[in-house]
N, C-alpha and C. Protein backbone atom coordinates (compact mmCIF):
# COMPACT_ATOMS: atom_id res chain seq x y z
N MET A 1 91.45 86.62 31.79
CA MET A 1 92.30 85.31 31.28
C MET A 1 92.28 84.36 32.30
N MET A 2 92.18 83.10 31.83
CA MET A 2 91.98 82.02 32.82
C MET A 2 93.51 81.70 32.75
N ASP A 3 93.76 81.19 34.13
CA ASP A 3 94.97 80.16 34.52
C ASP A 3 94.66 78.91 34.14
N PRO A 4 95.36 78.09 33.36
CA PRO A 4 94.94 77.00 32.66
C PRO A 4 95.28 75.95 33.61
N ILE A 5 96.45 76.05 34.46
CA ILE A 5 96.66 75.06 35.47
C ILE A 5 95.54 74.98 36.48
N ALA A 6 95.25 76.20 36.92
CA ALA A 6 94.07 76.40 38.10
C ALA A 6 92.92 75.72 37.36
N GLN A 7 92.39 76.05 36.09
CA GLN A 7 91.35 75.49 35.62
C GLN A 7 91.36 73.85 35.29
N PHE A 8 92.66 73.31 34.94
CA PHE A 8 92.80 72.01 34.86
C PHE A 8 92.36 71.35 36.40
N THR A 9 93.31 71.97 37.20
CA THR A 9 92.98 71.55 38.75
C THR A 9 91.61 71.26 39.29
N GLN A 10 90.75 72.43 38.85
CA GLN A 10 89.54 72.44 39.16
C GLN A 10 88.64 71.35 38.67
N TRP A 11 88.79 71.13 37.11
CA TRP A 11 88.11 70.28 36.43
C TRP A 11 88.35 68.81 37.08
N LEU A 12 90.00 68.49 37.25
CA LEU A 12 90.27 67.36 37.82
C LEU A 12 89.47 66.91 39.25
N ASP A 13 89.36 67.95 40.15
CA ASP A 13 88.75 67.81 41.44
C ASP A 13 87.26 67.49 41.24
N GLU A 14 86.68 68.25 40.20
CA GLU A 14 85.33 67.79 40.03
C GLU A 14 85.13 66.22 39.46
N ALA A 15 85.93 65.91 38.57
CA ALA A 15 85.93 64.40 38.11
C ALA A 15 86.16 63.62 39.09
N THR A 16 87.12 63.81 40.00
CA THR A 16 87.38 63.10 41.25
C THR A 16 86.00 62.94 42.02
N ARG A 17 85.58 64.22 42.44
CA ARG A 17 84.16 64.31 43.26
C ARG A 17 82.93 63.46 42.40
N SER A 18 83.06 63.49 41.23
CA SER A 18 81.92 62.92 40.36
C SER A 18 81.90 61.38 40.38
N GLY A 19 83.06 60.92 41.11
CA GLY A 19 83.01 59.46 41.11
C GLY A 19 83.66 59.02 39.80
N GLU A 20 84.29 59.75 38.86
CA GLU A 20 84.90 59.21 37.80
C GLU A 20 85.90 58.05 38.25
N PRO A 21 85.97 56.81 37.62
CA PRO A 21 86.79 55.71 38.19
C PRO A 21 88.25 55.85 38.39
N GLU A 22 88.94 56.55 37.18
CA GLU A 22 90.22 56.97 37.26
C GLU A 22 90.57 58.08 36.75
N PRO A 23 90.38 59.35 37.70
CA PRO A 23 90.39 60.61 37.06
C PRO A 23 91.69 61.03 36.69
N THR A 24 92.86 60.34 37.19
CA THR A 24 94.15 60.96 36.98
C THR A 24 94.68 60.27 35.67
N ALA A 25 93.93 59.25 35.10
CA ALA A 25 94.21 58.52 33.94
C ALA A 25 94.35 59.42 32.71
N MET A 26 95.56 59.40 31.77
CA MET A 26 95.76 60.14 30.73
C MET A 26 96.41 59.54 29.60
N ALA A 27 96.08 59.73 28.45
CA ALA A 27 96.70 59.13 27.39
C ALA A 27 97.85 59.96 27.01
N LEU A 28 99.02 59.29 26.83
CA LEU A 28 100.29 59.72 26.76
C LEU A 28 100.72 59.48 25.24
N ALA A 29 100.89 60.47 24.55
CA ALA A 29 101.41 60.35 23.03
C ALA A 29 102.78 60.76 22.96
N THR A 30 103.55 59.99 22.35
CA THR A 30 104.88 60.36 21.90
C THR A 30 105.38 59.89 20.64
N SER A 31 106.47 60.18 20.17
CA SER A 31 106.81 59.67 18.76
C SER A 31 108.31 59.55 18.79
N ASP A 32 108.91 58.53 18.20
CA ASP A 32 110.20 58.31 18.02
C ASP A 32 111.10 59.05 17.09
N ALA A 33 112.27 58.56 16.98
CA ALA A 33 113.18 59.45 16.18
C ALA A 33 112.58 59.69 14.57
N HIS A 34 111.82 58.58 14.28
CA HIS A 34 111.44 58.49 13.10
C HIS A 34 110.19 59.17 12.71
N GLY A 35 109.32 59.58 13.96
CA GLY A 35 108.26 60.27 13.66
C GLY A 35 107.09 59.33 14.14
N SER A 36 107.50 58.27 14.18
CA SER A 36 106.20 56.96 14.56
C SER A 36 105.76 57.10 15.67
N PRO A 37 104.26 57.51 15.95
CA PRO A 37 103.60 57.88 16.99
C PRO A 37 103.24 56.56 17.88
N ALA A 38 102.99 56.74 19.19
CA ALA A 38 102.82 55.69 19.93
C ALA A 38 101.78 56.48 21.18
N VAL A 39 100.90 55.65 21.84
CA VAL A 39 99.93 56.33 22.80
C VAL A 39 99.59 55.26 23.73
N ARG A 40 99.67 55.59 25.00
CA ARG A 40 99.28 54.65 25.97
C ARG A 40 98.72 55.37 27.17
N MET A 41 98.12 54.68 28.21
CA MET A 41 97.66 55.10 29.14
C MET A 41 98.76 55.02 30.49
N VAL A 42 98.69 56.40 31.19
CA VAL A 42 99.55 56.41 32.15
C VAL A 42 98.64 57.26 33.21
N LEU A 43 99.31 57.37 34.46
CA LEU A 43 98.66 58.01 35.59
C LEU A 43 99.22 59.26 35.88
N LEU A 44 98.56 60.47 35.88
CA LEU A 44 99.17 61.62 36.40
C LEU A 44 99.50 61.57 37.81
N LYS A 45 100.53 61.86 38.30
CA LYS A 45 100.94 61.83 39.75
C LYS A 45 101.12 63.19 40.43
N HIS A 46 101.39 64.32 39.52
CA HIS A 46 101.39 65.66 40.19
C HIS A 46 101.26 66.76 39.02
N VAL A 47 100.50 67.71 39.45
CA VAL A 47 100.55 68.85 38.57
C VAL A 47 100.54 70.22 39.31
N ASP A 48 101.41 70.95 38.56
CA ASP A 48 101.53 72.45 39.28
C ASP A 48 101.83 73.36 38.15
N GLN A 49 102.40 74.54 38.27
CA GLN A 49 102.56 75.56 37.38
C GLN A 49 103.73 75.09 36.39
N ARG A 50 104.52 74.27 36.99
CA ARG A 50 105.44 73.77 35.98
C ARG A 50 105.20 72.57 34.94
N GLY A 51 104.11 71.82 35.41
CA GLY A 51 103.91 71.11 34.25
C GLY A 51 103.14 69.83 35.00
N PHE A 52 102.93 68.72 34.16
CA PHE A 52 102.14 67.49 34.47
C PHE A 52 103.17 66.40 34.71
N VAL A 53 102.94 65.62 35.74
CA VAL A 53 104.20 64.65 36.05
C VAL A 53 103.70 63.23 35.93
N PHE A 54 104.45 62.37 35.35
CA PHE A 54 104.15 60.89 35.22
C PHE A 54 105.53 60.13 35.59
N TYR A 55 105.35 58.73 36.12
CA TYR A 55 106.61 58.22 36.26
C TYR A 55 106.63 56.94 35.47
N THR A 56 107.94 56.31 35.00
CA THR A 56 108.04 55.10 34.31
C THR A 56 109.58 54.53 34.30
N ASN A 57 109.53 53.46 33.80
CA ASN A 57 110.94 52.73 33.86
C ASN A 57 111.73 53.67 32.61
N LEU A 58 112.89 53.93 32.88
CA LEU A 58 113.33 54.52 31.96
C LEU A 58 114.14 53.98 30.84
N THR A 59 113.87 52.46 30.82
CA THR A 59 114.12 51.61 29.46
C THR A 59 112.99 51.37 28.73
N SER A 60 111.97 52.18 28.94
CA SER A 60 110.59 51.68 28.38
C SER A 60 110.55 52.43 26.97
N PRO A 61 109.73 51.74 26.32
CA PRO A 61 109.68 52.52 24.87
C PRO A 61 109.15 54.00 25.06
N LYS A 62 108.50 54.36 25.85
CA LYS A 62 108.01 55.87 25.83
C LYS A 62 109.17 56.67 26.40
N ALA A 63 110.14 56.10 27.21
CA ALA A 63 111.32 57.07 27.69
C ALA A 63 112.45 56.93 26.56
N GLU A 64 112.49 55.63 25.58
CA GLU A 64 113.13 55.91 24.42
C GLU A 64 112.57 56.96 23.49
N ASP A 65 111.36 57.05 23.41
CA ASP A 65 110.68 58.09 22.56
C ASP A 65 111.24 59.50 22.91
N LEU A 66 110.99 59.56 24.35
CA LEU A 66 111.40 60.94 24.67
C LEU A 66 112.78 61.49 24.49
N ALA A 67 113.74 60.40 24.83
CA ALA A 67 115.04 60.66 24.41
C ALA A 67 115.39 61.02 23.01
N ALA A 68 114.57 60.57 22.10
CA ALA A 68 114.73 60.93 20.81
C ALA A 68 113.87 62.12 20.50
N ASN A 69 112.88 62.21 21.18
CA ASN A 69 111.96 63.54 20.56
C ASN A 69 111.24 63.99 21.96
N PRO A 70 111.82 64.89 22.60
CA PRO A 70 111.28 65.07 24.09
C PRO A 70 110.01 65.89 24.05
N LYS A 71 108.86 65.82 22.97
CA LYS A 71 107.79 66.26 22.92
C LYS A 71 106.71 65.56 23.31
N ALA A 72 105.68 65.73 24.04
CA ALA A 72 104.50 64.91 24.21
C ALA A 72 103.24 65.58 24.17
N ALA A 73 102.15 64.71 24.10
CA ALA A 73 100.78 65.11 24.15
C ALA A 73 100.12 64.31 25.13
N LEU A 74 99.29 65.09 26.04
CA LEU A 74 98.38 64.38 26.99
C LEU A 74 96.87 64.49 26.63
N CYS A 75 95.99 63.60 26.86
CA CYS A 75 94.79 63.58 26.81
C CYS A 75 94.00 63.23 28.07
N PHE A 76 93.12 63.97 28.65
CA PHE A 76 92.34 63.53 29.82
C PHE A 76 91.08 63.39 29.09
N TYR A 77 90.02 62.54 29.64
CA TYR A 77 88.73 62.52 29.28
C TYR A 77 87.93 62.01 30.35
N TRP A 78 86.99 62.76 30.99
CA TRP A 78 86.27 62.56 31.94
C TRP A 78 84.65 62.42 31.67
N ASN A 79 84.16 60.93 31.21
CA ASN A 79 83.06 60.91 30.87
C ASN A 79 81.84 61.38 31.60
N LEU A 80 81.94 61.26 33.15
CA LEU A 80 81.07 61.70 34.09
C LEU A 80 80.66 63.11 34.02
N THR A 81 81.65 63.91 33.78
CA THR A 81 81.47 65.55 33.76
C THR A 81 81.37 65.94 32.27
N GLY A 82 81.71 65.02 31.43
CA GLY A 82 81.67 65.45 29.96
C GLY A 82 82.62 66.41 29.59
N ARG A 83 83.87 66.30 29.93
CA ARG A 83 84.92 67.15 29.81
C ARG A 83 86.21 66.28 29.29
N GLN A 84 86.88 67.13 28.65
CA GLN A 84 88.31 66.67 27.99
C GLN A 84 89.21 67.90 28.01
N VAL A 85 90.48 67.44 28.54
CA VAL A 85 91.71 68.39 28.40
C VAL A 85 92.86 67.80 27.63
N ARG A 86 93.25 68.37 26.73
CA ARG A 86 94.54 68.18 25.83
C ARG A 86 95.47 68.91 26.25
N VAL A 87 96.84 68.49 26.27
CA VAL A 87 97.95 69.32 26.70
C VAL A 87 99.16 68.65 25.84
N THR A 88 99.93 69.92 25.36
CA THR A 88 101.33 69.51 24.50
C THR A 88 102.34 70.08 25.21
N GLY A 89 103.37 69.82 24.88
CA GLY A 89 104.48 70.43 25.61
C GLY A 89 105.88 69.51 25.30
N ARG A 90 106.97 70.31 25.76
CA ARG A 90 108.20 69.53 25.87
C ARG A 90 108.18 68.65 27.13
N THR A 91 109.16 67.78 27.17
CA THR A 91 109.20 66.94 28.52
C THR A 91 110.43 67.26 28.94
N GLU A 92 110.66 67.20 30.40
CA GLU A 92 112.07 67.19 30.93
C GLU A 92 111.82 66.06 32.03
N ALA A 93 112.97 65.53 32.57
CA ALA A 93 113.18 64.83 33.59
C ALA A 93 113.00 65.45 35.05
N VAL A 94 112.21 64.85 35.79
CA VAL A 94 111.98 65.26 37.31
C VAL A 94 113.48 65.11 37.87
N PRO A 95 113.94 66.12 38.80
CA PRO A 95 114.92 65.86 39.58
C PRO A 95 115.04 64.53 40.48
N ASP A 96 116.39 64.08 40.77
CA ASP A 96 116.07 62.70 41.66
C ASP A 96 115.51 62.88 42.80
N ALA A 97 115.53 64.09 43.74
CA ALA A 97 115.07 64.28 44.75
C ALA A 97 113.61 64.08 44.82
N GLU A 98 113.08 64.64 43.70
CA GLU A 98 111.54 64.69 43.50
C GLU A 98 110.77 63.28 43.18
N ALA A 99 111.82 62.47 42.54
CA ALA A 99 111.28 60.96 42.11
C ALA A 99 111.57 60.21 43.37
N ASP A 100 112.76 60.55 43.99
CA ASP A 100 112.85 59.75 45.28
C ASP A 100 111.64 60.00 46.25
N ALA A 101 111.19 61.25 46.50
CA ALA A 101 110.41 61.48 47.46
C ALA A 101 108.88 60.90 46.95
N TYR A 102 108.56 60.84 45.59
CA TYR A 102 107.42 60.30 45.20
C TYR A 102 107.48 58.81 45.42
N PHE A 103 108.52 58.11 44.86
CA PHE A 103 108.80 56.42 45.16
C PHE A 103 108.45 56.31 46.60
N ALA A 104 108.90 56.95 47.52
CA ALA A 104 108.64 56.73 48.85
C ALA A 104 107.31 56.50 49.22
N THR A 105 106.41 57.26 48.55
CA THR A 105 104.89 57.50 48.93
C THR A 105 104.36 56.00 48.26
N ARG A 106 104.78 55.18 47.34
CA ARG A 106 104.12 54.08 46.71
C ARG A 106 104.20 53.07 47.61
N PRO A 107 102.95 52.19 47.55
CA PRO A 107 102.90 51.21 48.15
C PRO A 107 104.22 50.23 48.20
N ARG A 108 104.35 49.55 49.09
CA ARG A 108 105.68 48.52 49.19
C ARG A 108 105.51 47.70 47.53
N LEU A 109 104.31 47.03 47.60
CA LEU A 109 104.33 46.08 46.61
C LEU A 109 104.42 46.71 45.00
N SER A 110 104.28 47.96 44.88
CA SER A 110 104.43 48.82 43.78
C SER A 110 105.77 49.08 43.67
N GLN A 111 106.70 49.37 44.87
CA GLN A 111 107.92 49.64 44.74
C GLN A 111 108.69 48.33 44.23
N LEU A 112 108.23 47.19 44.93
CA LEU A 112 108.84 45.89 44.34
C LEU A 112 108.61 45.75 42.95
N GLY A 113 107.60 46.10 42.61
CA GLY A 113 107.10 45.80 41.17
C GLY A 113 108.02 46.43 40.27
N ALA A 114 108.15 47.91 40.74
CA ALA A 114 109.15 48.79 39.88
C ALA A 114 110.55 47.95 39.68
N TRP A 115 110.96 47.36 40.56
CA TRP A 115 112.38 46.60 40.37
C TRP A 115 112.21 45.53 39.82
N ALA A 116 111.13 44.59 39.96
CA ALA A 116 110.75 43.51 38.98
C ALA A 116 110.65 43.75 37.46
N SER A 117 110.04 44.76 37.19
CA SER A 117 109.50 44.71 35.63
C SER A 117 110.57 45.05 34.71
N LYS A 118 110.75 44.23 33.61
CA LYS A 118 111.69 44.89 32.59
C LYS A 118 110.52 45.20 31.55
N GLN A 119 110.12 46.38 31.85
CA GLN A 119 108.95 47.12 31.13
C GLN A 119 108.90 46.79 29.74
N SER A 120 107.94 46.34 29.18
CA SER A 120 107.76 45.87 27.66
C SER A 120 108.59 45.08 27.06
N ARG A 121 109.47 44.31 27.82
CA ARG A 121 110.21 43.10 27.35
C ARG A 121 109.46 41.84 27.44
N SER A 122 109.89 41.22 26.68
CA SER A 122 109.32 39.57 26.61
C SER A 122 109.48 38.85 27.77
N MET A 123 108.56 37.88 28.08
CA MET A 123 108.87 37.03 29.29
C MET A 123 107.91 35.65 29.00
N GLN A 124 108.29 34.80 29.43
CA GLN A 124 107.82 33.52 29.17
C GLN A 124 106.42 33.24 29.52
N GLY A 125 105.99 33.89 30.92
CA GLY A 125 104.57 33.88 31.23
C GLY A 125 104.61 34.67 32.55
N TYR A 126 103.56 34.93 33.13
CA TYR A 126 103.11 35.68 34.19
C TYR A 126 104.22 35.26 35.41
N PHE A 127 104.36 34.01 35.48
CA PHE A 127 105.10 33.45 36.53
C PHE A 127 106.54 34.39 36.56
N ASP A 128 106.95 34.75 35.44
CA ASP A 128 108.29 35.29 35.40
C ASP A 128 108.57 36.59 36.05
N LEU A 129 107.25 37.28 36.08
CA LEU A 129 107.21 38.62 37.07
C LEU A 129 106.92 38.22 38.55
N GLU A 130 106.15 37.26 38.75
CA GLU A 130 105.91 36.84 40.35
C GLU A 130 107.18 36.45 40.76
N GLN A 131 107.84 35.80 40.00
CA GLN A 131 109.38 35.31 40.59
C GLN A 131 110.45 36.41 40.80
N ALA A 132 110.37 37.34 39.89
CA ALA A 132 110.98 38.61 40.07
C ALA A 132 110.67 39.31 41.17
N CYS A 133 109.32 39.48 41.40
CA CYS A 133 108.93 40.18 42.65
C CYS A 133 109.25 39.51 44.08
N ALA A 134 109.14 38.23 43.91
CA ALA A 134 109.50 37.53 45.17
C ALA A 134 110.99 37.78 45.50
N ALA A 135 111.96 37.86 44.52
CA ALA A 135 113.37 37.75 44.65
C ALA A 135 113.49 39.35 45.10
N TYR A 136 112.87 40.29 44.84
CA TYR A 136 113.03 41.63 45.41
C TYR A 136 112.71 41.77 46.59
N ALA A 137 111.46 41.17 47.03
CA ALA A 137 111.00 41.23 48.38
C ALA A 137 112.06 40.35 49.27
N ILE A 138 112.61 39.48 48.91
CA ILE A 138 113.63 38.80 49.59
C ILE A 138 114.97 39.66 49.74
N ARG A 139 115.42 40.42 48.54
CA ARG A 139 116.52 41.30 48.74
C ARG A 139 116.28 42.46 49.74
N PHE A 140 115.07 43.16 49.64
CA PHE A 140 115.01 44.32 50.49
C PHE A 140 114.15 43.97 51.78
N HIS A 141 113.75 42.41 51.92
CA HIS A 141 113.25 41.97 53.30
C HIS A 141 112.26 43.04 53.93
N ILE A 142 112.60 43.51 55.09
CA ILE A 142 111.60 44.45 55.65
C ILE A 142 112.06 45.87 55.81
N GLY A 143 113.20 46.09 55.07
CA GLY A 143 113.89 47.35 55.00
C GLY A 143 112.90 48.39 54.01
N ALA A 144 113.46 49.49 53.96
CA ALA A 144 112.93 50.43 52.93
C ALA A 144 113.48 50.01 51.56
N VAL A 145 112.44 50.14 50.63
CA VAL A 145 112.81 49.88 49.14
C VAL A 145 113.38 51.12 48.46
N PRO A 146 114.26 51.18 48.07
CA PRO A 146 114.94 52.39 47.37
C PRO A 146 114.42 52.55 45.94
N ARG A 147 114.48 53.61 45.45
CA ARG A 147 113.91 53.85 44.13
C ARG A 147 115.02 53.53 43.02
N PRO A 148 114.59 52.55 42.19
CA PRO A 148 115.70 51.97 41.30
C PRO A 148 116.13 53.00 40.45
N PRO A 149 117.52 52.74 39.97
CA PRO A 149 118.05 53.93 39.33
C PRO A 149 117.46 54.01 37.71
N PHE A 150 116.87 52.91 37.43
CA PHE A 150 116.25 52.92 35.81
C PHE A 150 114.74 53.28 36.17
N TRP A 151 114.32 54.06 37.21
CA TRP A 151 112.87 54.61 37.18
C TRP A 151 112.85 55.84 37.78
N SER A 152 111.91 56.71 37.07
CA SER A 152 112.14 58.21 37.45
C SER A 152 110.70 58.58 36.74
N GLY A 153 110.81 59.96 36.83
CA GLY A 153 109.56 60.65 36.36
C GLY A 153 109.84 61.64 35.10
N TYR A 154 108.96 62.07 34.47
CA TYR A 154 108.96 63.19 33.55
C TYR A 154 108.04 64.21 33.67
N ARG A 155 108.38 65.35 33.54
CA ARG A 155 107.25 66.57 33.52
C ARG A 155 107.14 66.93 32.09
N VAL A 156 105.68 67.15 31.74
CA VAL A 156 105.17 67.64 30.51
C VAL A 156 105.05 69.30 30.71
N VAL A 157 105.84 70.03 30.30
CA VAL A 157 105.81 71.57 30.53
C VAL A 157 104.93 72.01 29.34
N PRO A 158 103.78 72.38 29.72
CA PRO A 158 102.68 72.69 28.54
C PRO A 158 103.04 74.04 27.90
N ASP A 159 102.96 74.00 26.58
CA ASP A 159 102.67 75.26 25.63
C ASP A 159 101.44 75.36 25.04
N ARG A 160 100.38 74.43 25.25
CA ARG A 160 99.02 74.44 24.83
C ARG A 160 98.32 73.58 25.64
N ILE A 161 97.19 74.11 26.07
CA ILE A 161 96.24 73.33 26.82
C ILE A 161 94.93 73.71 26.39
N GLU A 162 94.02 72.69 26.03
CA GLU A 162 92.85 72.89 25.28
C GLU A 162 91.73 72.29 26.35
N PHE A 163 90.82 72.85 26.42
CA PHE A 163 89.54 72.71 27.33
C PHE A 163 88.05 72.40 26.55
N TRP A 164 87.75 71.13 26.39
CA TRP A 164 86.65 70.86 26.04
C TRP A 164 85.51 70.37 26.80
N ARG A 165 84.13 70.90 26.67
CA ARG A 165 83.05 70.64 27.51
C ARG A 165 81.94 70.26 26.55
N GLN A 166 81.42 69.06 26.84
CA GLN A 166 80.27 68.67 26.18
C GLN A 166 79.11 69.47 26.44
N LYS A 167 78.46 69.53 25.08
CA LYS A 167 77.04 70.35 25.14
C LYS A 167 76.17 69.69 24.17
N PRO A 168 74.91 69.88 24.32
CA PRO A 168 73.89 69.27 23.52
C PRO A 168 74.18 69.52 22.06
N PHE A 169 73.76 68.62 21.03
CA PHE A 169 73.73 68.81 19.73
C PHE A 169 75.00 69.27 19.15
N ARG A 170 76.04 68.57 19.81
CA ARG A 170 77.51 68.80 19.23
C ARG A 170 77.87 70.53 19.29
N ARG A 171 77.11 71.16 20.21
CA ARG A 171 77.60 72.59 20.25
C ARG A 171 78.68 72.83 21.24
N HIS A 172 79.61 71.84 21.44
CA HIS A 172 80.55 71.91 22.56
C HIS A 172 81.19 73.16 22.63
N GLU A 173 81.82 73.50 23.81
CA GLU A 173 82.92 74.37 24.17
C GLU A 173 84.11 74.07 24.18
N ARG A 174 85.04 74.84 23.41
CA ARG A 174 86.34 74.57 23.24
C ARG A 174 87.06 75.77 23.43
N ILE A 175 87.91 75.90 24.39
CA ILE A 175 89.01 77.08 24.56
C ILE A 175 90.29 76.48 24.66
N ILE A 176 91.20 77.07 23.83
CA ILE A 176 92.62 76.82 23.89
C ILE A 176 93.37 77.89 24.33
N CYS A 177 94.53 77.41 25.29
CA CYS A 177 95.39 78.32 25.89
C CYS A 177 96.64 78.03 25.38
N VAL A 178 97.38 79.21 24.98
CA VAL A 178 98.59 79.12 24.19
C VAL A 178 99.67 80.07 24.94
N LEU A 179 100.63 79.28 25.15
CA LEU A 179 101.79 79.86 26.01
C LEU A 179 102.70 80.86 24.93
N GLU A 180 102.57 82.01 25.07
CA GLU A 180 103.38 82.95 24.06
C GLU A 180 104.06 83.96 24.97
N GLY A 181 105.42 84.08 24.87
CA GLY A 181 106.19 84.96 25.59
C GLY A 181 106.16 84.94 27.20
N GLY A 182 106.01 83.83 27.80
CA GLY A 182 105.73 83.56 29.12
C GLY A 182 104.36 83.83 29.44
N GLU A 183 103.47 84.19 28.77
CA GLU A 183 101.92 84.69 29.20
C GLU A 183 100.91 83.70 28.26
N TRP A 184 100.06 83.33 29.03
CA TRP A 184 99.13 82.37 28.44
C TRP A 184 97.93 83.13 27.66
N ARG A 185 97.63 82.92 26.46
CA ARG A 185 96.49 83.64 25.71
C ARG A 185 95.56 82.47 25.54
N GLU A 186 94.37 82.90 25.54
CA GLU A 186 93.32 82.00 25.35
C GLU A 186 92.22 82.46 24.13
N GLN A 187 91.74 81.33 23.46
CA GLN A 187 91.09 81.53 22.16
C GLN A 187 90.00 80.56 22.21
N TRP A 188 88.87 81.10 21.80
CA TRP A 188 87.63 79.85 21.68
C TRP A 188 87.91 79.43 20.33
N LEU A 189 87.59 78.05 20.16
CA LEU A 189 87.54 77.22 18.77
C LEU A 189 86.04 76.78 18.62
N TYR A 190 85.88 76.70 17.42
CA TYR A 190 84.50 76.15 16.93
C TYR A 190 84.97 74.45 17.39
N PRO A 191 83.66 73.82 17.81
CA PRO A 191 83.75 72.57 18.27
C PRO A 191 84.10 71.26 16.86
């Protein structure tokens, strides 16, 4: 029986070594309280046995969706290695200490951008964002930039992980791992 998190980590490492331009990019699918779906690209920031972590503005549409329906799906596709991984599961907020620790590792300009961005809200033009970034650069001057209270992370706690490997003549390999009773069960699928 495969450990799907270990398998995912191996494939991610291989995609990174292959020169994949953005191996941690993943499509994140959510749905709102009415079931309307939305999908966007985000970056995986951490993975372990607890799940897959990404960060965002907590007033963003994705955060609003997750507040209404705390389930999500992820899709990783690595063209250079001909592999895809799909993940579904419930989401949970990462603890503040974990979010603080990750935020502290971000480049300073990314930290300032987190403060400045009113994610997905209208603005008059790009200068609005530049002006807000400059204001926060002045506010925090040369000191440490704390994590904004409206910015944190989510963990997708998987209950299904599907591995797809490209093969010639559309004879692809597909294995799905389903969490049942605390144990992973794997099953081959037709392509």
